[in-house]
Protein backbone atom coordinates (compact mmCIF):
# COMPACT_ATOMS: atom_id res chain seq x y z
CA MET A 1 0.00 0.00 0.00
CA LEU A 2 1.27 3.44 -0.98
CA ASN A 3 1.29 5.54 2.20
CA ILE A 4 2.76 9.05 1.87
CA ALA A 5 3.10 12.04 4.18
CA LEU A 6 3.23 15.46 2.52
CA PHE A 7 5.18 17.94 4.63
CA GLY A 8 5.92 21.64 4.46
CA ALA A 9 5.40 25.00 6.11
CA PRO A 10 1.99 26.75 6.02
CA GLY A 11 1.34 27.96 2.48
CA ALA A 12 3.75 25.49 0.83
CA GLY A 13 0.96 24.10 -1.35
CA LYS A 14 0.31 20.82 0.44
CA GLY A 15 -3.46 20.99 -0.08
CA THR A 16 -3.23 21.66 -3.83
CA GLN A 17 -0.65 18.95 -4.49
CA SER A 18 -2.41 16.46 -2.20
CA LYS A 19 -5.58 16.59 -4.30
CA GLU A 20 -3.59 15.77 -7.46
CA LEU A 21 -1.68 12.94 -5.78
CA VAL A 22 -4.89 11.45 -4.41
CA LYS A 23 -6.35 11.35 -7.93
CA LYS A 24 -3.24 9.89 -9.57
CA TYR A 25 -2.61 7.13 -7.04
CA ASN A 26 -6.18 6.55 -5.81
CA LEU A 27 -5.33 7.37 -2.20
CA THR A 28 -7.43 8.11 0.86
CA TYR A 29 -6.86 11.76 1.79
CA ILE A 30 -6.24 12.69 5.41
CA SER A 31 -5.89 16.39 6.23
CA THR A 32 -6.47 17.14 9.89
CA GLY A 33 -6.94 20.81 9.05
CA ASP A 34 -9.70 20.14 6.50
CA ILE A 35 -11.39 17.60 8.76
CA LEU A 36 -11.39 19.95 11.73
CA ARG A 37 -12.76 22.83 9.64
CA LYS A 38 -15.63 20.55 8.55
CA GLU A 39 -16.28 19.62 12.18
CA ILE A 40 -16.33 23.32 13.08
CA ALA A 41 -18.72 24.14 10.24
CA ALA A 42 -21.02 21.32 11.33
CA GLY A 43 -20.94 22.53 14.94
CA THR A 44 -19.99 19.13 16.33
CA GLU A 45 -18.59 18.65 19.82
CA LEU A 46 -15.17 18.02 18.30
CA GLY A 47 -15.50 21.16 16.18
CA LEU A 48 -16.41 23.32 19.14
CA GLN A 49 -13.38 22.08 21.07
CA ALA A 50 -11.07 22.81 18.14
CA LYS A 51 -12.52 26.12 16.90
CA ASP A 52 -10.86 28.50 19.31
CA ILE A 53 -7.47 26.76 19.04
CA ILE A 54 -7.43 26.80 15.22
CA ASN A 55 -8.55 30.43 14.98
CA ARG A 56 -5.57 31.37 17.16
CA GLY A 57 -3.21 29.34 14.93
CA GLY A 58 -2.56 26.74 17.64
CA LEU A 59 -2.39 22.95 17.42
CA VAL A 60 -5.31 20.73 18.45
CA SER A 61 -4.60 18.15 21.17
CA ASP A 62 -3.22 14.77 20.15
CA GLU A 63 -6.18 13.01 21.78
CA LEU A 64 -8.58 14.67 19.33
CA ILE A 65 -6.28 14.09 16.36
CA VAL A 66 -5.85 10.37 17.12
CA GLN A 67 -9.63 9.87 17.25
CA ILE A 68 -9.93 11.37 13.77
CA ILE A 69 -6.94 9.64 12.17
CA GLU A 70 -7.70 6.19 13.57
CA LYS A 71 -11.23 6.10 12.14
CA ILE A 72 -10.11 7.19 8.68
CA ILE A 73 -7.19 4.73 8.50
CA GLU A 74 -9.54 1.89 9.46
CA SER A 75 -11.97 2.89 6.70
CA ALA A 76 -9.21 3.05 4.06
CA ASP A 77 -9.43 -0.74 3.53
CA GLU A 78 -6.60 -1.95 1.27
CA GLY A 79 -5.92 1.36 -0.45
CA GLY A 80 -3.08 3.75 0.22
CA ILE A 81 -3.23 6.95 2.26
CA LEU A 82 -1.91 10.46 1.81
CA PHE A 83 -1.34 12.44 5.02
CA ASP A 84 -1.48 16.20 4.44
CA GLY A 85 0.04 18.21 7.28
CA PHE A 86 0.19 15.25 9.64
CA PRO A 87 2.20 14.53 11.71
CA ARG A 88 2.77 18.11 12.94
CA THR A 89 4.86 17.21 16.00
CA VAL A 90 7.39 14.54 16.92
CA VAL A 91 4.85 13.08 19.35
CA GLN A 92 2.38 12.76 16.46
CA ALA A 93 5.11 11.10 14.38
CA TYR A 94 5.37 8.38 17.03
CA ILE A 95 1.58 8.15 17.16
CA LEU A 96 1.42 7.67 13.38
CA GLU A 97 4.11 4.98 13.51
CA GLY A 98 2.06 3.11 16.11
CA LEU A 99 -1.22 3.46 14.20
CA LEU A 100 0.32 2.26 10.94
CA HIS A 101 2.09 -0.64 12.63
CA ARG A 102 -1.14 -1.80 14.29
CA MET A 103 -2.86 -1.80 10.90
CA ASN A 104 -0.01 -3.56 9.08
CA ARG A 105 0.98 -0.45 7.12
CA ARG A 106 4.21 1.44 6.58
CA LEU A 107 4.99 4.98 5.45
CA LEU A 108 6.86 4.91 2.13
CA CYS A 109 8.13 8.47 2.41
CA MET A 110 7.70 11.97 3.74
CA LEU A 111 7.88 14.50 0.89
CA SER A 112 8.64 18.04 2.03
CA LEU A 113 7.69 21.03 -0.14
CA GLU A 114 10.50 23.56 0.23
CA VAL A 115 9.44 27.21 -0.33
CA PRO A 116 11.17 30.45 0.85
CA ARG A 117 9.47 32.08 3.86
CA GLU A 118 8.75 35.36 2.01
CA GLU A 119 6.84 33.57 -0.71
CA LEU A 120 4.92 31.52 1.86
CA ILE A 121 3.67 34.66 3.60
CA SER A 122 2.69 36.21 0.27
CA ARG A 123 0.76 33.08 -0.73
CA MET A 124 -1.13 32.94 2.57
CA LEU A 125 -2.16 36.58 2.46
CA LYS A 126 -3.47 36.11 -1.09
CA ARG A 127 -5.36 33.00 0.03
CA ALA A 128 -6.87 34.96 2.92
CA ALA A 129 -8.17 37.60 0.53
CA ILE A 130 -9.66 35.03 -1.84
CA GLU A 131 -11.09 32.50 0.64
CA GLY A 132 -11.74 34.75 3.61
CA ARG A 133 -10.12 32.28 6.03
CA ALA A 134 -9.98 33.58 9.63
CA ASP A 135 -6.78 31.61 10.23
CA ASP A 136 -4.87 33.49 7.50
CA ASN A 137 -4.52 37.05 8.87
CA GLU A 138 -1.05 38.48 9.55
CA GLU A 139 -1.09 37.94 13.30
CA VAL A 140 -2.24 34.33 12.98
CA ILE A 141 0.25 33.69 10.16
CA LYS A 142 3.14 34.79 12.39
CA ASN A 143 1.88 32.53 15.17
CA ARG A 144 1.53 29.59 12.77
CA PHE A 145 5.11 29.98 11.61
CA ARG A 146 6.25 30.21 15.24
CA GLU A 147 4.39 26.96 16.00
CA TYR A 148 5.84 25.40 12.85
CA ASP A 149 9.44 26.33 13.69
CA GLU A 150 9.18 25.17 17.30
CA LYS A 151 7.05 22.04 17.02
CA THR A 152 6.69 20.90 13.40
CA ARG A 153 10.14 21.40 11.88
CA PRO A 154 11.67 18.74 14.24
CA VAL A 155 9.40 16.19 12.56
CA ALA A 156 11.70 16.44 9.54
CA GLU A 157 14.61 15.22 11.67
CA PHE A 158 12.50 12.27 12.87
CA TYR A 159 11.95 11.04 9.30
CA LYS A 160 15.46 11.93 8.17
CA ALA A 161 16.69 9.52 10.85
CA LYS A 162 14.40 6.84 9.38
CA GLY A 163 15.83 7.54 5.91
CA ILE A 164 12.47 8.31 4.28
CA TYR A 165 12.51 12.14 4.23
CA TYR A 166 12.85 13.81 0.81
CA PRO A 167 12.88 17.59 0.16
CA ILE A 168 11.04 18.71 -3.01
CA ASP A 169 11.39 22.13 -4.63
CA GLY A 170 7.96 23.69 -4.08
CA VAL A 171 8.53 26.81 -6.21
CA GLY A 172 7.03 26.95 -9.70
CA THR A 173 3.77 26.12 -11.40
CA MET A 174 1.44 23.57 -9.87
CA GLU A 175 2.26 21.21 -12.77
CA LYS A 176 6.03 21.48 -12.30
CA VAL A 177 5.85 20.85 -8.55
CA PHE A 178 3.49 17.92 -9.10
CA SER A 179 5.91 16.46 -11.65
CA ARG A 180 8.74 16.64 -9.10
CA LEU A 181 6.61 14.87 -6.50
CA THR A 182 5.51 12.04 -8.78
CA GLU A 183 9.04 11.57 -10.11
CA LYS A 184 10.29 10.95 -6.58
CA ILE A 185 7.37 8.63 -5.75
CA GLU A 186 7.95 6.54 -8.88
CA GLN A 187 11.65 6.36 -8.08
CA LEU A 188 10.93 5.13 -4.55
CA LEU A 189 8.39 2.58 -5.77
CA GLU A 190 10.92 1.23 -8.22
CA THR A 191 13.52 0.72 -5.50
CA ALA A 192 11.16 -0.42 -2.74
CA TYR A 193 11.82 -3.80 -1.14
CA ARG A 194 9.89 -6.67 -2.67
CA ASN A 195 9.77 -9.81 -0.56
CA ILE A 196 8.02 -12.85 -1.98
CA VAL A 197 7.23 -16.03 -0.08
CA LEU A 198 6.85 -19.00 -2.44
CA TYR A 199 5.68 -22.19 -0.85
CA GLY A 200 3.92 -25.45 -1.64
CA MET A 201 4.19 -29.19 -1.14
CA PRO A 202 7.59 -30.84 -1.55
CA GLY A 203 7.71 -31.73 -5.25
CA SER A 204 5.42 -28.86 -6.29
CA GLY A 205 8.26 -27.16 -8.18
CA ARG A 206 8.63 -24.30 -5.73
CA GLY A 207 12.46 -24.34 -5.87
CA THR A 208 12.62 -24.17 -9.66
CA GLN A 209 9.99 -21.44 -9.83
CA ALA A 210 11.48 -19.44 -6.94
CA LYS A 211 14.83 -19.21 -8.72
CA LYS A 212 13.15 -18.03 -11.92
CA ILE A 213 11.07 -15.45 -10.04
CA ALA A 214 14.20 -14.17 -8.28
CA LYS A 215 15.97 -13.75 -11.62
CA LYS A 216 13.04 -12.03 -13.33
CA TYR A 217 12.49 -9.47 -10.56
CA SER A 218 16.20 -9.04 -9.65
CA LEU A 219 15.69 -10.42 -6.14
CA VAL A 220 17.93 -12.59 -3.97
CA TYR A 221 16.88 -16.24 -3.68
CA ILE A 222 16.81 -17.58 -0.11
CA SER A 223 16.28 -21.31 0.37
CA THR A 224 16.70 -22.51 3.93
CA GLY A 225 16.97 -26.06 2.57
CA ALA A 226 19.83 -25.16 0.22
CA MET A 227 21.67 -23.27 2.95
CA ILE A 228 21.26 -26.16 5.38
CA ARG A 229 22.50 -28.68 2.78
CA GLU A 230 25.58 -26.49 2.25
CA GLU A 231 26.22 -26.44 6.00
CA ILE A 232 25.91 -30.24 6.13
CA LYS A 233 28.21 -30.65 3.12
CA ASN A 234 30.87 -28.46 4.75
CA GLN A 235 30.42 -30.31 8.06
CA THR A 236 29.97 -27.09 10.01
CA GLU A 237 28.63 -27.01 13.54
CA ILE A 238 25.23 -25.96 12.17
CA GLY A 239 25.40 -28.73 9.59
CA LYS A 240 26.01 -31.37 12.24
CA MET A 241 23.04 -30.08 14.23
CA CYS A 242 20.78 -30.14 11.15
CA ALA A 243 21.72 -33.52 9.64
CA PRO A 244 19.41 -35.69 11.81
CA TYR A 245 16.40 -33.46 11.08
CA ILE A 246 17.04 -33.46 7.32
CA GLU A 247 17.52 -37.22 7.14
CA ALA A 248 14.18 -37.70 8.90
CA GLY A 249 12.42 -35.16 6.63
CA ASP A 250 11.68 -32.81 9.54
CA ASN A 251 12.05 -29.03 9.88
CA VAL A 252 15.24 -27.83 11.58
CA PRO A 253 14.89 -25.79 14.81
CA ASP A 254 13.71 -22.24 14.14
CA GLU A 255 16.76 -20.63 15.76
CA ILE A 256 18.98 -22.22 13.10
CA ALA A 257 16.78 -21.01 10.26
CA ILE A 258 16.80 -17.49 11.73
CA ARG A 259 20.62 -17.41 11.85
CA LEU A 260 20.93 -18.57 8.24
CA ILE A 261 18.30 -16.16 6.87
CA GLU A 262 19.70 -13.16 8.72
CA LYS A 263 23.20 -14.01 7.50
CA LYS A 264 21.96 -14.17 3.89
CA ILE A 265 20.20 -10.80 4.22
CA GLN A 266 23.32 -9.21 5.74
CA GLU A 267 25.42 -10.55 2.86
CA ASN A 268 23.17 -8.70 0.38
CA PRO A 269 22.87 -5.11 1.69
CA THR A 270 22.00 -3.69 -1.77
CA ALA A 271 19.30 -6.25 -2.58
CA LYS A 272 15.95 -5.01 -3.86
CA GLY A 273 14.30 -7.80 -1.92
CA PHE A 274 14.18 -11.55 -1.49
CA VAL A 275 12.33 -14.67 -2.62
CA PHE A 276 11.88 -17.05 0.31
CA LYS A 277 11.52 -20.74 -0.54
CA GLY A 278 10.84 -23.25 2.21
CA PHE A 279 10.37 -20.61 4.90
CA PRO A 280 7.97 -20.02 6.53
CA SER A 281 6.56 -23.52 6.65
CA THR A 282 4.71 -23.06 9.95
CA TYR A 283 2.48 -20.44 11.55
CA VAL A 284 5.21 -19.55 14.06
CA GLN A 285 7.75 -19.14 11.26
CA ALA A 286 5.42 -16.66 9.52
CA TYR A 287 5.68 -14.45 12.61
CA ILE A 288 9.43 -15.01 12.71
CA LEU A 289 9.88 -13.89 9.10
CA ASP A 290 7.92 -10.71 9.80
CA GLY A 291 10.26 -10.06 12.72
CA ILE A 292 13.37 -10.67 10.62
CA LEU A 293 12.18 -8.29 7.90
CA GLU A 294 11.08 -5.66 10.41
CA ARG A 295 14.72 -5.39 11.52
CA VAL A 296 15.63 -4.20 8.00
CA HIS A 297 12.54 -1.95 7.78
CA SER A 298 10.78 -4.25 5.33
CA SER A 299 7.91 -6.73 5.15
CA VAL A 300 6.47 -9.57 3.08
CA THR A 301 4.92 -8.28 -0.14
CA CYS A 302 3.01 -11.46 -0.99
CA ALA A 303 2.86 -15.17 -0.22
CA VAL A 304 2.13 -17.40 -3.21
CA GLU A 305 1.22 -21.05 -2.75
CA ILE A 306 1.83 -23.51 -5.59
CA ASN A 307 -1.04 -25.98 -5.29
CA SER A 308 -0.21 -29.46 -6.58
CA ASN A 309 -1.75 -32.90 -6.44
CA PRO A 310 0.07 -34.98 -3.77
CA ILE A 311 0.36 -37.97 -6.11
CA GLN A 312 1.97 -35.75 -8.74
CA CYS A 313 4.40 -34.48 -6.09
CA VAL A 314 5.38 -38.04 -5.09
CA LYS A 315 6.04 -38.89 -8.75
CA ARG A 316 8.24 -35.81 -9.17
CA LEU A 317 10.26 -36.55 -6.03
CA ASN A 318 10.75 -40.19 -7.06
CA ALA A 319 11.90 -38.97 -10.48
CA ARG A 320 14.32 -36.49 -8.89
CA ASN A 321 15.80 -39.33 -6.83
CA LYS A 322 17.12 -40.79 -10.10
CA THR A 323 19.02 -37.59 -10.93
CA GLU A 324 22.12 -35.79 -9.62
CA ASP A 325 19.77 -33.30 -7.88
CA ARG A 326 18.40 -35.99 -5.55
CA ARG A 327 18.09 -35.18 -1.85
CA VAL A 328 18.77 -37.54 1.03
CA TYR A 329 15.08 -37.44 1.90
CA ASP A 330 14.01 -38.41 -1.65
CA ARG A 331 15.33 -41.96 -1.25
CA ASN A 332 12.62 -43.21 1.07
CA THR A 333 8.93 -43.18 0.15
CA ASP A 334 7.94 -43.17 3.81
CA ILE A 335 9.95 -39.98 4.38
CA ILE A 336 8.44 -38.39 1.26
CA ILE A 337 4.93 -39.14 2.55
CA HIS A 338 5.92 -37.84 6.01
CA ARG A 339 7.08 -34.54 4.48
CA LEU A 340 3.84 -34.19 2.51
CA GLU A 341 1.79 -34.90 5.63
CA THR A 342 3.83 -32.35 7.62
CA TYR A 343 3.19 -29.73 4.96
CA GLU A 344 -0.52 -30.54 4.89
CA SER A 345 -0.83 -30.22 8.67
CA CYS A 346 0.98 -26.85 8.80
CA SER A 347 -0.09 -25.15 5.57
CA ASN A 348 -3.63 -24.21 6.65
CA LYS A 349 -2.41 -21.89 9.39
CA VAL A 350 0.28 -20.34 7.17
CA ARG A 351 -2.39 -19.77 4.52
CA GLU A 352 -4.69 -18.20 7.11
CA TYR A 353 -1.87 -15.96 8.38
CA TYR A 354 -1.27 -14.38 4.98
CA ARG A 355 -4.95 -14.28 4.07
CA ASN A 356 -5.59 -12.18 7.18
CA LYS A 357 -2.94 -9.76 5.91
CA ASN A 358 -4.46 -9.75 2.39
CA LYS A 359 -1.17 -11.07 1.03
CA TYR A 360 -2.13 -14.64 0.08
CA TYR A 361 -2.28 -15.87 -3.54
CA SER A 362 -2.32 -19.31 -5.12
CA VAL A 363 -1.52 -20.84 -8.52
CA ASN A 364 -2.09 -24.24 -10.08
CA GLY A 365 1.20 -26.15 -9.95
CA ASP A 366 0.02 -29.12 -12.02
CA GLN A 367 0.29 -27.20 -15.29
CA ASP A 368 3.22 -27.13 -17.69
CA MET A 369 6.27 -25.58 -15.97
CA GLU A 370 6.36 -22.55 -18.27
CA LEU A 371 2.63 -21.94 -17.80
CA VAL A 372 3.10 -22.13 -14.02
CA PHE A 373 5.86 -19.52 -14.29
CA LYS A 374 3.71 -17.21 -16.42
CA THR A 375 0.84 -17.51 -13.95
CA LEU A 376 3.23 -16.83 -11.08
CA CYS A 377 4.56 -13.69 -12.80
CA ASP A 378 1.03 -12.41 -13.41
CA THR A 379 0.21 -13.06 -9.74
CA VAL A 380 3.35 -11.34 -8.47
CA ASP A 381 2.71 -8.35 -10.75
CA GLN A 382 -0.79 -8.08 -9.32
CA ALA A 383 0.56 -8.24 -5.76
CA LEU A 384 3.24 -5.62 -6.46
CA ARG A 385 0.69 -3.21 -7.90
CA LYS A 386 -1.51 -3.72 -4.87
CA SER A 387 1.35 -3.27 -2.40
């Protein structure tokens, strides 16, 4: 979901540019100023509380703001959100982080419209003459800038520290400023992390397809199974711990998988994202993966299940056992069946986990391999557009 905060001093043009961005990207628009003015016009209890503060150029209490923001975020469904003039204080920045986290969202960027102070004052006085706004007279304007300098400007430092603050030249025609904004948004979308979970029954072709997906989308392929086999081959301490689990067709302890995945992520600091094959395979591991990605300020984009007929999977694994790619657990039919049963018993909860996050997709894995890949690409494209 495309969540953006538009930042800038009073008169920078946030309202004008917000309306254009909302139309272009189909976003839910949140402007605390506009909402409060509507409440005031309607004479609601909230409006009466806020009226005197706004007319003096002050900031409404965080308690009132949170009530407004929370309701609107909840009603935004799966679409993105544009925050105009919010957060206005560092405290509100923390509040927004908490609200977005609770609703499984993340702010892509804060775009700050940079305009010289003299021009800002000129714009606001012109707006006052045209619109007759009581909060745009000279005395109130001075107070608003004082509030902005003391309380709002530090918000920029908060998002600079997070690495998602971007200054945009706000001088020029509306079209030129809008072009600068959209250019930055498109650039950020292009470089945003894309993390794909590809899972399915053993023998469903998930490994083959995961490698192809990683290549197509320029992502790093992470297979816990492949990493564990490498550890076993090199007779490392981790490999010795894992060998009994692999030979029995069981999952290795989660703490080992965490160490291997984090190591792979650290080895690829410039990656655009990752394709995870074989992890998560349990409900608990789905939570673990979210925790791992949260540490690098990222999240799962989509989870795609390759649905295959169990009999077809057994045939594929038996066929692989006759090749150089055979695995130790392919040699025994009982172990193959055990692995399929383990997957079947765990997959429902993993499926439910990602469905609840609106990130679950499925494809038919019993088709021709190239057709499966095409369907997977179409599905991933759909998920990327949605995210």
